[in-house]
N, C-alpha and C. Protein backbone atom coordinates (compact mmCIF):
# COMPACT_ATOMS: atom_id res chain seq x y z
N MET A 1 -16.10 -28.65 -7.28
CA MET A 1 -16.56 -27.50 -7.60
C MET A 1 -16.44 -26.29 -6.29
N ARG A 2 -15.90 -25.28 -5.81
CA ARG A 2 -16.30 -24.49 -4.99
C ARG A 2 -17.36 -23.63 -4.82
N ALA A 3 -17.99 -23.46 -3.86
CA ALA A 3 -19.19 -22.54 -3.62
C ALA A 3 -18.91 -21.46 -3.95
N THR A 4 -17.98 -20.94 -3.27
CA THR A 4 -17.67 -19.39 -3.21
C THR A 4 -16.14 -18.82 -4.11
N LYS A 5 -16.06 -18.01 -4.63
CA LYS A 5 -14.57 -17.71 -5.31
C LYS A 5 -13.59 -16.91 -4.25
N ARG A 6 -12.49 -17.20 -3.71
CA ARG A 6 -11.87 -16.52 -2.82
C ARG A 6 -11.28 -15.35 -3.18
N ARG A 7 -11.04 -14.25 -2.82
CA ARG A 7 -10.56 -13.12 -3.26
C ARG A 7 -9.37 -12.93 -2.37
N PHE A 8 -8.01 -12.58 -3.17
CA PHE A 8 -6.78 -12.12 -2.30
C PHE A 8 -6.49 -10.60 -2.36
N ASP A 9 -6.99 -9.43 -1.58
CA ASP A 9 -7.25 -8.32 -2.05
C ASP A 9 -5.42 -7.92 -1.30
N PRO A 10 -5.08 -7.07 -1.56
CA PRO A 10 -3.77 -6.11 -1.39
C PRO A 10 -4.13 -5.70 -0.10
N ASN A 11 -2.95 -5.80 0.86
CA ASN A 11 -2.87 -5.51 2.27
C ASN A 11 -2.82 -3.91 2.29
N LEU A 12 -3.60 -3.05 2.31
CA LEU A 12 -3.03 -1.54 1.89
C LEU A 12 -3.01 -0.93 3.55
N GLN A 13 -2.37 0.08 3.57
CA GLN A 13 -2.30 0.76 4.84
C GLN A 13 -2.16 2.08 4.51
N LYS A 14 -2.50 3.28 4.82
CA LYS A 14 -2.47 4.56 5.20
C LYS A 14 -1.70 5.11 5.45
N VAL A 15 -0.45 5.40 4.68
CA VAL A 15 0.82 5.95 4.74
C VAL A 15 1.22 7.45 4.49
N ARG A 16 2.20 8.28 5.13
CA ARG A 16 2.39 9.07 4.66
C ARG A 16 3.30 9.29 4.07
N ILE A 17 3.45 9.86 2.84
CA ILE A 17 4.62 9.61 1.82
C ILE A 17 4.97 10.79 0.72
N PHE A 18 6.02 10.95 0.43
CA PHE A 18 6.36 12.35 -0.46
C PHE A 18 5.94 11.73 -2.16
N VAL A 19 4.84 12.75 -2.18
CA VAL A 19 3.88 12.65 -3.75
C VAL A 19 4.43 13.96 -4.39
N GLY A 20 5.57 13.74 -5.24
CA GLY A 20 5.89 15.23 -6.05
C GLY A 20 6.99 15.94 -4.49
N ALA A 21 6.75 17.27 -4.12
CA ALA A 21 7.69 17.58 -3.00
C ALA A 21 6.65 17.63 -2.04
N ALA A 22 5.26 17.42 -1.60
CA ALA A 22 4.61 17.61 -0.50
C ALA A 22 4.45 16.08 0.00
N PRO A 23 4.44 15.84 1.28
CA PRO A 23 3.89 14.51 2.28
C PRO A 23 2.57 14.55 1.97
N ARG A 24 1.78 13.35 1.46
CA ARG A 24 0.70 13.12 1.33
C ARG A 24 -0.07 11.84 2.36
N ARG A 25 -1.09 11.41 2.94
CA ARG A 25 -1.71 10.27 3.00
C ARG A 25 -2.19 9.76 1.98
N VAL A 26 -1.69 8.28 1.71
CA VAL A 26 -2.30 7.64 0.36
C VAL A 26 -1.94 6.33 1.06
N TYR A 27 -2.75 5.40 0.63
CA TYR A 27 -3.10 3.86 0.58
C TYR A 27 -1.94 3.26 -0.44
N VAL A 28 -0.83 2.26 0.69
CA VAL A 28 0.35 1.88 0.01
C VAL A 28 -0.02 0.21 0.45
N CYS A 29 0.57 -0.85 -0.55
CA CYS A 29 0.17 -2.13 -0.11
C CYS A 29 1.40 -2.48 0.53
N THR A 30 1.71 -3.50 1.87
CA THR A 30 2.68 -3.63 2.50
C THR A 30 3.86 -4.11 1.73
N ARG A 31 3.49 -4.92 0.51
CA ARG A 31 4.81 -5.21 -0.43
C ARG A 31 5.48 -4.42 -0.85
N CYS A 32 5.13 -2.83 -1.19
CA CYS A 32 5.68 -1.88 -1.72
C CYS A 32 6.35 -1.41 -0.70
N LEU A 33 5.90 -1.30 0.64
CA LEU A 33 6.80 -1.12 1.57
C LEU A 33 7.71 -1.70 2.28
N LYS A 34 7.61 -2.99 2.45
CA LYS A 34 8.90 -4.18 2.54
C LYS A 34 9.72 -3.81 1.43
N ALA A 35 9.15 -3.83 0.30
CA ALA A 35 10.29 -3.75 -0.68
C ALA A 35 11.45 -2.45 -0.97
N GLY A 36 10.96 -1.31 -0.43
CA GLY A 36 11.11 -0.02 -0.63
C GLY A 36 10.91 0.92 -2.17
N LYS A 37 9.68 -0.02 -2.35
CA LYS A 37 9.24 0.97 -3.48
C LYS A 37 9.06 2.50 -3.25
N VAL A 38 8.53 2.60 -2.19
CA VAL A 38 7.82 4.01 -1.58
C VAL A 38 8.57 4.55 -0.09
N THR A 39 8.86 5.75 0.38
CA THR A 39 9.41 5.87 1.09
C THR A 39 8.55 6.68 2.22
N LYS A 40 8.58 6.32 3.50
CA LYS A 40 7.78 7.09 4.44
C LYS A 40 8.04 8.36 4.73
N ALA A 41 7.29 9.54 4.89
CA ALA A 41 7.53 10.77 5.22
C ALA A 41 7.61 10.87 6.76
N VAL A 42 8.66 11.69 7.48
CA VAL A 42 8.85 11.43 8.60
C VAL A 42 8.51 12.78 9.53
C-alpha cells in the first residue's frame, strides 16, 4: 500500500479563444488544444 495517493491533474493553459462572438481568456487543457477542440483567437 502506498503512503499517498498520487493525483494526475490536467495540464491547463490560459489561452485566448472565441467564446460566442468575443475572444476571452480561458483555462484550456493542452489535450484539447492539440486535438483541435478549441481554436485560438489571433
